[in-house]
Amino acid sequence: MEKDIKKINLGKNINLTLIPAKKFKSNLVSIYIQRLLDKEEATKNALLPTIITSGCEKYPSVREISNKLDDLYGSSMLGDVSKRGERQVITFKIISTNERYLDEKIFTDVIGFFNEVLNKPLVVDGGFNKAYLDIEKTNLKDRIQSKINDKSRYALERTFEEMCEGEKFSISEIGYEEDLEKISPQDLYEHYKKIIRTSPIDIVVEGDFDEKEVVDTISKNFTFERDEIIQIPREEYKKDIKEVKVIEEKMDITQGKLVMGYRTNIDFKDEDRYYPLVVGCNVLGGGPHSKMFINIREKESLCYYIYSSVEKHKGILFVSSGIEVQNYEKTVELVKKQLESLKAGEISQDEIENSKSALINSMKSLSDSIGGMSDFYFAQGMSNTNSTIEQIIDNVAKVKNEDIVKAFKEIELDIVYFLRN
């Protein structure tokens, strides 16, 4: 299927990716707008997905938007914001029933409606509707405050804030509560116009469609105003560690949260080292077959959960675990010991094969539900890697024990963060 995927430059730094997928009865159109993470605009960007989808010039309320979506055979639309490396990505998606299952053609109407929402927002007195903005500010404030409710996620974010202090990766993609009051309807509207004019934009269509019809419809119906496009620099992924940070934070919790952050200094474009890093990370803490799960959770009964993962853009490997406070020191030492065993090449064939199998199955599952392939191919284009799923599977399958040893030999511990009662 991957050979049928096409990338088309629509001009003005707008790229269109077409992903044919006959297995779905729906078509998905996704718009990805990229910004460099910046504390000055992060909160504004986080407000945009919901304020834009709450009303536009032609459909000025949530009710009218909802009614129009119902008219389009129960289509649905959403907006969100995410962090990808040191980029803040604003995403809008609309999913509609495939025309092959209907008595009429609706794709042109769907794109026309999507364009109305994105390019003709509801403007009152030179800004967004104040009542709508106040609602979205409250919703975003609740979302920011609720981060603390998920203690595992909170510990992970605090680790990255401390570990990457002074780096853009430490900036929150959902913004900051203290910035909300300063944002006026006029300021936010002017900011939205600026990011539409100056940001790289990707349009991805996934589903069962006629290629020529889709290209013509999107080319004619999207009316993005464009100006000089910003350049987003590549993240710095190398860092020398002079001293390991040890941070303890106290909170009224029943279960301690331990996060250990390592700098790998590996470029994700370096296939000879990056894929062994990913496989090795899975051997370390990728599931029930992993070293940490077996030796720390099962044999020693030191933790409720434990896993490791790689943030590819920044070259960070982290270990996250839920433990009793009294098990802190022993858990830290055992995590270090498991990582040292990888560096020493103490990896069984079963560990490697189970890890490869888990990673390959994960890649294959991307096409199981609509949207997985859209996000994957956007991410590949954003990173300028443009690897196919088949190529990634091939790279994972080729990894050997000695490749993992080579990839892990220069990994350095940067931070130990512990959230305790």
Protein backbone atom coordinates (compact mmCIF):
# COMPACT_ATOMS: atom_id res chain seq x y z
CA MET A 1 0.00 0.00 0.00
CA GLU A 2 2.83 2.41 0.86
CA LYS A 3 3.98 2.77 -2.73
CA ASP A 4 0.62 4.43 -3.50
CA ILE A 5 1.16 7.24 -0.98
CA LYS A 6 1.75 10.56 -2.73
CA LYS A 7 3.14 13.88 -1.57
CA ILE A 8 2.20 16.97 -3.54
CA ASN A 9 3.51 20.50 -3.04
CA LEU A 10 0.58 22.91 -3.35
CA GLY A 11 2.92 25.93 -3.20
CA LYS A 12 3.47 28.51 -0.45
CA ASN A 13 4.88 25.82 1.85
CA ILE A 14 1.60 23.86 1.91
CA ASN A 15 2.12 20.14 1.41
CA LEU A 16 -0.58 17.60 0.59
CA THR A 17 -0.15 13.92 1.44
CA LEU A 18 -2.58 11.32 0.05
CA ILE A 19 -2.89 8.00 1.87
CA PRO A 20 -5.20 5.51 0.09
CA ALA A 21 -6.89 3.11 2.54
CA LYS A 22 -9.78 1.10 1.12
CA LYS A 23 -10.49 -0.70 4.41
CA PHE A 24 -12.24 2.33 5.98
CA LYS A 25 -15.75 3.60 5.35
CA SER A 26 -14.64 7.12 6.27
CA ASN A 27 -12.29 9.74 4.90
CA LEU A 28 -10.09 11.79 7.21
CA VAL A 29 -8.67 15.21 6.37
CA SER A 30 -6.04 16.51 8.79
CA ILE A 31 -4.43 19.96 8.89
CA TYR A 32 -1.11 20.25 10.76
CA ILE A 33 0.26 23.73 11.52
CA GLN A 34 3.81 23.83 12.88
CA ARG A 35 5.27 26.39 15.28
CA LEU A 36 8.57 26.49 17.15
CA LEU A 37 7.87 26.06 20.86
CA ASP A 38 7.96 29.55 22.36
CA LYS A 39 6.78 30.43 25.86
CA GLU A 40 5.50 33.80 24.58
CA GLU A 41 2.98 32.17 22.24
CA ALA A 42 2.46 28.64 23.61
CA THR A 43 -0.73 29.56 25.52
CA LYS A 44 -2.19 31.44 22.55
CA ASN A 45 -1.55 28.45 20.30
CA ALA A 46 -3.17 26.12 22.83
CA LEU A 47 -6.35 28.23 22.80
CA LEU A 48 -6.71 28.23 19.03
CA PRO A 49 -7.97 24.69 18.27
CA THR A 50 -11.08 25.07 20.42
CA ILE A 51 -11.86 28.74 19.72
CA ILE A 52 -11.62 28.12 15.96
CA THR A 53 -13.91 25.08 16.05
CA SER A 54 -16.52 26.77 18.28
CA GLY A 55 -17.89 29.10 15.60
CA CYS A 56 -17.14 30.78 12.26
CA GLU A 57 -18.57 33.55 10.11
CA LYS A 58 -21.08 31.30 8.33
CA TYR A 59 -21.82 29.03 11.31
CA PRO A 60 -21.41 31.36 14.31
CA SER A 61 -22.15 28.95 17.17
CA VAL A 62 -21.33 25.44 18.35
CA ARG A 63 -24.95 24.47 17.68
CA GLU A 64 -24.81 25.65 14.06
CA ILE A 65 -21.46 23.93 13.52
CA SER A 66 -22.93 20.74 14.98
CA ASN A 67 -26.04 21.00 12.78
CA LYS A 68 -23.89 21.41 9.67
CA LEU A 69 -21.80 18.38 10.62
CA ASP A 70 -25.03 16.40 11.04
CA ASP A 71 -26.11 17.53 7.56
CA LEU A 72 -22.83 16.15 6.26
CA TYR A 73 -23.96 12.65 7.25
CA GLY A 74 -22.69 12.82 10.80
CA SER A 75 -19.21 14.15 10.07
CA SER A 76 -17.11 15.10 13.08
CA MET A 77 -14.43 17.74 13.62
CA LEU A 78 -11.86 18.35 16.32
CA GLY A 79 -8.86 20.51 17.08
CA ASP A 80 -5.93 19.91 19.40
CA VAL A 81 -2.35 20.89 20.15
CA SER A 82 0.67 18.64 20.73
CA LYS A 83 4.43 18.73 21.26
CA ARG A 84 6.70 17.02 18.75
CA GLY A 85 10.30 17.55 19.70
CA GLU A 86 10.66 21.32 20.04
CA ARG A 87 7.65 22.05 17.83
CA GLN A 88 4.14 22.90 18.92
CA VAL A 89 1.74 21.42 16.38
CA ILE A 90 -1.81 22.74 16.05
CA THR A 91 -4.03 20.11 14.48
CA PHE A 92 -7.51 20.24 12.96
CA LYS A 93 -9.24 17.09 11.72
CA ILE A 94 -12.54 16.36 10.00
CA ILE A 95 -13.80 12.84 9.36
CA SER A 96 -16.68 12.13 6.99
CA THR A 97 -18.45 9.13 5.51
CA ASN A 98 -16.94 7.81 2.30
CA GLU A 99 -19.04 8.86 -0.70
CA ARG A 100 -19.08 5.27 -1.95
CA TYR A 101 -21.55 4.48 0.82
CA LEU A 102 -23.83 7.47 0.14
CA ASP A 103 -26.33 8.51 -2.50
CA GLU A 104 -24.62 11.88 -3.05
CA LYS A 105 -21.17 13.40 -3.23
CA ILE A 106 -20.23 15.32 -0.07
CA PHE A 107 -16.43 15.62 -0.14
CA THR A 108 -16.47 19.06 -1.78
CA ASP A 109 -19.03 20.26 0.80
CA VAL A 110 -16.92 18.82 3.63
CA ILE A 111 -13.80 20.66 2.43
CA GLY A 112 -15.80 23.84 1.82
CA PHE A 113 -17.16 23.69 5.38
CA PHE A 114 -13.68 22.95 6.78
CA ASN A 115 -12.33 25.99 4.94
CA GLU A 116 -15.13 28.18 6.33
CA VAL A 117 -14.15 27.14 9.85
CA LEU A 118 -10.40 27.58 9.42
CA ASN A 119 -10.17 30.61 7.13
CA LYS A 120 -13.29 32.60 7.99
CA PRO A 121 -13.45 32.51 11.80
CA LEU A 122 -16.10 34.36 13.79
CA VAL A 123 -14.82 37.93 14.33
CA VAL A 124 -16.52 40.52 16.56
CA ASP A 125 -15.07 44.05 16.90
CA GLY A 126 -11.76 43.03 15.37
CA GLY A 127 -11.27 39.93 17.52
CA PHE A 128 -12.66 36.55 18.44
CA ASN A 129 -15.99 36.39 20.24
CA LYS A 130 -15.17 37.38 23.84
CA ALA A 131 -17.82 35.12 25.39
CA TYR A 132 -16.45 32.12 23.47
CA LEU A 133 -12.87 33.03 24.36
CA ASP A 134 -13.73 33.31 28.07
CA ILE A 135 -15.21 29.80 27.95
CA GLU A 136 -12.12 28.41 26.21
CA LYS A 137 -9.81 30.16 28.66
CA THR A 138 -11.66 28.48 31.53
CA ASN A 139 -11.47 25.11 29.77
CA LEU A 140 -7.74 25.50 29.13
CA LYS A 141 -7.14 26.64 32.70
CA ASP A 142 -8.91 23.48 33.93
CA ARG A 143 -6.80 21.39 31.55
CA ILE A 144 -3.56 22.96 32.80
CA GLN A 145 -4.56 22.52 36.44
CA SER A 146 -5.68 18.93 35.85
CA LYS A 147 -2.16 17.88 34.80
CA ILE A 148 -1.39 17.39 38.45
CA ASN A 149 -4.18 14.79 38.75
CA ASP A 150 -2.22 12.34 36.58
CA LYS A 151 0.81 11.97 38.83
CA SER A 152 2.78 9.80 36.38
CA ARG A 153 2.35 12.34 33.59
CA TYR A 154 3.05 15.22 35.97
CA ALA A 155 6.32 13.59 37.11
CA LEU A 156 7.37 13.06 33.49
CA GLU A 157 6.67 16.70 32.57
CA ARG A 158 8.50 17.98 35.64
CA THR A 159 11.47 15.79 34.72
CA PHE A 160 11.66 17.30 31.25
CA GLU A 161 11.25 20.83 32.64
CA GLU A 162 14.22 20.32 34.95
CA MET A 163 16.29 18.18 32.60
CA CYS A 164 15.87 20.54 29.64
CA GLU A 165 15.94 23.83 31.56
CA GLY A 166 16.82 26.58 29.09
CA GLU A 167 15.87 24.36 26.13
CA LYS A 168 12.63 24.77 24.20
CA PHE A 169 11.67 21.17 24.94
CA SER A 170 10.91 22.23 28.52
CA ILE A 171 8.02 24.45 27.35
CA SER A 172 4.49 23.08 27.90
CA GLU A 173 2.46 22.56 24.73
CA ILE A 174 -0.78 23.50 26.53
CA GLY A 175 0.60 26.77 27.82
CA TYR A 176 0.57 28.49 31.20
CA GLU A 177 -2.24 29.59 33.48
CA GLU A 178 -0.59 32.96 34.28
CA ASP A 179 -0.64 33.94 30.57
CA LEU A 180 -4.39 33.47 30.06
CA GLU A 181 -5.50 36.82 31.49
CA LYS A 182 -3.18 38.77 29.18
CA ILE A 183 -4.73 37.34 25.99
CA SER A 184 -7.44 39.57 24.49
CA PRO A 185 -9.83 38.57 21.68
CA GLN A 186 -8.06 41.02 19.35
CA ASP A 187 -4.56 39.80 20.24
CA LEU A 188 -5.52 36.16 19.69
CA TYR A 189 -7.18 36.88 16.34
CA GLU A 190 -4.14 38.80 15.07
CA HIS A 191 -1.93 35.94 16.27
CA TYR A 192 -4.07 33.39 14.44
CA LYS A 193 -3.83 35.37 11.19
CA LYS A 194 -0.05 35.52 11.64
CA ILE A 195 0.41 31.79 12.16
CA ILE A 196 -1.82 30.95 9.18
CA ARG A 197 0.27 33.30 7.02
CA THR A 198 3.71 32.22 8.25
CA SER A 199 3.62 28.58 9.46
CA PRO A 200 4.41 25.41 7.50
CA ILE A 201 1.06 23.70 6.81
CA ASP A 202 0.51 20.03 5.99
CA ILE A 203 -2.78 18.66 4.68
CA VAL A 204 -3.14 14.87 4.90
CA VAL A 205 -6.05 12.91 3.39
CA GLU A 206 -6.52 9.29 4.44
CA GLY A 207 -9.25 6.96 3.17
CA ASP A 208 -10.79 5.59 -0.02
CA PHE A 209 -10.95 8.43 -2.53
CA ASP A 210 -10.42 9.53 -6.12
CA GLU A 211 -6.96 11.13 -6.23
CA LYS A 212 -7.66 13.71 -8.96
CA GLU A 213 -10.92 14.78 -7.34
CA VAL A 214 -9.27 15.22 -3.95
CA VAL A 215 -6.35 17.26 -5.32
CA ASP A 216 -8.69 19.50 -7.35
CA THR A 217 -11.12 19.98 -4.45
CA ILE A 218 -8.43 20.88 -1.92
CA SER A 219 -6.53 23.13 -4.33
CA LYS A 220 -9.67 25.10 -5.18
CA ASN A 221 -11.41 25.23 -1.80
CA PHE A 222 -8.71 25.98 0.79
CA THR A 223 -7.96 29.71 0.86
CA PHE A 224 -5.03 30.07 3.24
CA GLU A 225 -3.43 33.52 3.05
CA ARG A 226 0.33 33.10 2.95
CA ASP A 227 3.38 35.27 3.57
CA GLU A 228 7.05 34.55 4.26
CA ILE A 229 7.18 31.17 6.03
CA ILE A 230 9.13 30.76 9.27
CA GLN A 231 12.10 28.39 9.39
CA ILE A 232 11.99 25.93 12.28
CA PRO A 233 15.49 24.82 13.29
CA ARG A 234 16.43 21.25 14.14
CA GLU A 235 16.54 20.42 17.86
CA GLU A 236 19.88 20.17 19.66
CA TYR A 237 20.19 16.53 20.70
CA LYS A 238 23.72 16.50 22.13
CA LYS A 239 24.63 17.51 25.67
CA ASP A 240 27.61 16.84 27.90
CA ILE A 241 26.59 15.96 31.46
CA LYS A 242 28.79 17.58 34.08
CA GLU A 243 26.66 16.59 37.08
CA VAL A 244 23.56 14.43 37.52
CA LYS A 245 20.57 16.42 38.79
CA VAL A 246 18.75 14.79 41.71
CA ILE A 247 15.37 16.38 42.38
CA GLU A 248 12.85 15.38 45.03
CA GLU A 249 9.41 16.91 45.11
CA LYS A 250 6.81 16.29 47.81
CA MET A 251 3.07 15.97 47.33
CA ASP A 252 0.16 14.33 49.11
CA ILE A 253 0.29 11.04 47.19
CA THR A 254 0.16 7.35 48.11
CA GLN A 255 2.60 6.08 45.47
CA GLY A 256 6.00 7.58 44.63
CA LYS A 257 6.82 8.41 41.01
CA LEU A 258 10.39 7.90 39.86
CA VAL A 259 11.69 9.20 36.52
CA MET A 260 15.29 8.85 35.32
CA GLY A 261 16.34 10.81 32.23
CA TYR A 262 19.32 9.84 30.07
CA ARG A 263 21.02 11.72 27.23
CA THR A 264 21.77 9.35 24.35
CA ASN A 265 23.43 11.95 22.06
CA ILE A 266 22.04 9.97 19.12
CA ASP A 267 20.65 11.63 16.00
CA PHE A 268 17.41 9.94 14.88
CA LYS A 269 18.68 10.30 11.29
CA ASP A 270 21.66 8.09 12.13
CA GLU A 271 19.98 4.77 11.29
CA ASP A 272 23.01 2.70 12.35
CA ARG A 273 22.63 3.94 15.94
CA TYR A 274 19.01 5.11 16.27
CA TYR A 275 17.28 1.79 15.53
CA PRO A 276 19.57 -0.18 17.88
CA LEU A 277 18.74 2.47 20.51
CA VAL A 278 15.01 1.87 20.01
CA VAL A 279 15.37 -1.91 20.13
CA GLY A 280 17.65 -1.67 23.17
CA CYS A 281 15.17 0.61 24.92
CA ASN A 282 12.49 -2.02 24.37
CA VAL A 283 14.80 -4.73 25.76
CA LEU A 284 15.33 -2.48 28.79
CA GLY A 285 11.70 -1.61 29.54
CA GLY A 286 9.33 -2.24 26.65
CA GLY A 287 6.97 -4.74 28.20
CA PRO A 288 6.65 -8.02 30.15
CA HIS A 289 9.66 -9.46 28.30
CA SER A 290 11.97 -6.59 29.32
CA LYS A 291 14.87 -6.59 31.77
CA MET A 292 13.35 -4.02 34.14
CA PHE A 293 9.93 -5.68 34.20
CA ILE A 294 11.38 -9.11 34.98
CA ASN A 295 14.21 -8.12 37.33
CA ILE A 296 12.76 -5.10 39.14
CA ARG A 297 9.00 -5.61 39.09
CA GLU A 298 8.66 -9.39 39.07
CA LYS A 299 11.74 -10.72 40.90
CA GLU A 300 12.23 -7.87 43.39
CA SER A 301 8.59 -6.64 43.62
CA LEU A 302 9.89 -3.07 43.89
CA CYS A 303 7.43 -1.25 41.64
CA TYR A 304 3.82 -1.14 40.49
CA TYR A 305 4.85 -0.36 36.92
CA ILE A 306 8.11 0.37 35.10
CA TYR A 307 8.88 1.18 31.48
CA SER A 308 11.38 3.01 29.29
CA SER A 309 10.87 5.08 26.16
CA VAL A 310 12.81 7.27 23.71
CA GLU A 311 12.03 10.88 22.77
CA LYS A 312 13.62 10.70 19.36
CA HIS A 313 13.96 14.40 18.48
CA LYS A 314 15.90 15.30 21.63
CA GLY A 315 17.79 12.02 21.93
CA ILE A 316 16.40 11.39 25.42
CA LEU A 317 15.79 7.96 26.93
CA PHE A 318 13.72 7.95 30.10
CA VAL A 319 12.64 5.38 32.65
CA SER A 320 9.35 5.88 34.51
CA SER A 321 8.21 3.87 37.53
CA GLY A 322 5.66 3.85 40.36
CA ILE A 323 7.24 2.75 43.65
CA GLU A 324 6.92 2.83 47.44
CA VAL A 325 9.05 5.60 48.95
CA GLN A 326 11.26 3.18 50.86
CA ASN A 327 12.21 1.42 47.61
CA TYR A 328 13.63 4.55 45.96
CA GLU A 329 17.37 3.94 46.36
CA LYS A 330 17.24 0.25 45.51
CA THR A 331 15.10 0.88 42.41
CA VAL A 332 17.49 3.57 41.16
CA GLU A 333 20.45 1.23 41.58
CA LEU A 334 18.69 -1.65 39.83
CA VAL A 335 17.68 0.56 36.87
CA LYS A 336 21.34 1.57 36.52
CA LYS A 337 22.35 -2.09 36.73
CA GLN A 338 19.93 -3.14 33.96
CA LEU A 339 21.24 -0.38 31.70
CA GLU A 340 24.84 -1.40 32.41
CA SER A 341 23.96 -4.97 31.41
CA LEU A 342 22.86 -3.64 28.01
CA LYS A 343 26.15 -1.75 27.63
CA ALA A 344 27.98 -4.99 28.43
CA GLY A 345 26.05 -6.89 25.75
CA GLU A 346 24.26 -9.14 28.26
CA ILE A 347 21.23 -9.56 26.00
CA SER A 348 19.65 -12.90 25.23
CA GLN A 349 18.37 -13.82 21.77
CA ASP A 350 14.85 -14.08 23.22
CA GLU A 351 15.06 -10.52 24.58
CA ILE A 352 16.10 -9.16 21.18
CA GLU A 353 13.54 -11.16 19.21
CA ASN A 354 10.68 -10.31 21.59
CA SER A 355 11.58 -6.62 21.43
CA LYS A 356 11.81 -6.59 17.64
CA SER A 357 8.50 -8.42 17.41
CA ALA A 358 6.79 -5.89 19.73
CA LEU A 359 8.13 -2.92 17.75
CA ILE A 360 7.27 -4.43 14.35
CA ASN A 361 3.73 -5.31 15.46
CA SER A 362 3.31 -1.76 16.74
CA MET A 363 4.35 -0.36 13.36
CA LYS A 364 2.02 -2.72 11.50
CA SER A 365 -0.91 -1.71 13.73
CA LEU A 366 -0.69 1.93 12.58
CA SER A 367 -3.00 1.10 9.68
CA ASP A 368 -5.61 -0.64 11.86
CA SER A 369 -7.60 2.54 12.56
CA ILE A 370 -8.00 5.70 10.56
CA GLY A 371 -5.62 8.48 11.61
CA GLY A 372 -2.60 6.37 12.53
CA MET A 373 -1.06 6.60 9.07
CA SER A 374 -1.86 10.33 8.81
CA ASP A 375 0.04 11.12 12.00
CA PHE A 376 2.90 8.82 11.01
CA TYR A 377 3.46 10.35 7.57
CA PHE A 378 3.12 13.89 8.87
CA ALA A 379 5.77 13.11 11.51
CA GLN A 380 8.09 11.64 8.88
CA GLY A 381 7.75 14.71 6.68
CA MET A 382 8.19 17.06 9.64
CA SER A 383 11.44 15.29 10.56
CA ASN A 384 12.66 15.21 6.93
CA THR A 385 13.22 11.47 7.23
CA ASN A 386 10.38 10.28 4.96
CA SER A 387 10.89 6.63 5.91
CA THR A 388 8.11 4.19 5.05
CA ILE A 389 6.73 1.72 7.57
CA GLU A 390 8.36 -1.09 5.56
CA GLN A 391 11.77 0.62 5.78
CA ILE A 392 11.44 1.10 9.55
CA ILE A 393 10.43 -2.54 10.02
CA ASP A 394 13.44 -3.59 7.93
CA ASN A 395 15.78 -1.40 10.01
CA VAL A 396 14.41 -2.84 13.27
CA ALA A 397 14.70 -6.42 11.99
CA LYS A 398 18.41 -5.94 11.14
CA VAL A 399 19.48 -4.87 14.67
CA LYS A 400 22.04 -7.15 16.33
CA ASN A 401 23.37 -7.44 19.89
CA GLU A 402 26.60 -5.61 19.03
CA ASP A 403 24.62 -2.74 17.48
CA ILE A 404 22.78 -2.19 20.77
CA VAL A 405 26.06 -2.21 22.71
CA LYS A 406 27.49 0.42 20.35
CA ALA A 407 24.37 2.63 20.62
CA PHE A 408 24.24 2.44 24.42
CA LYS A 409 27.90 2.87 25.22
CA GLU A 410 27.79 6.69 25.46
CA ILE A 411 24.40 7.06 27.18
CA GLU A 412 24.66 9.26 30.28
CA LEU A 413 22.31 9.76 33.19
CA ASP A 414 21.22 13.42 33.33
CA ILE A 415 18.49 13.51 36.00
CA VAL A 416 16.81 11.48 38.74
CA TYR A 417 13.43 12.94 39.65
CA PHE A 418 11.33 11.58 42.53
CA LEU A 419 7.80 12.66 43.43
CA ARG A 420 7.05 11.42 46.93
CA ASN A 421 4.68 11.89 49.85
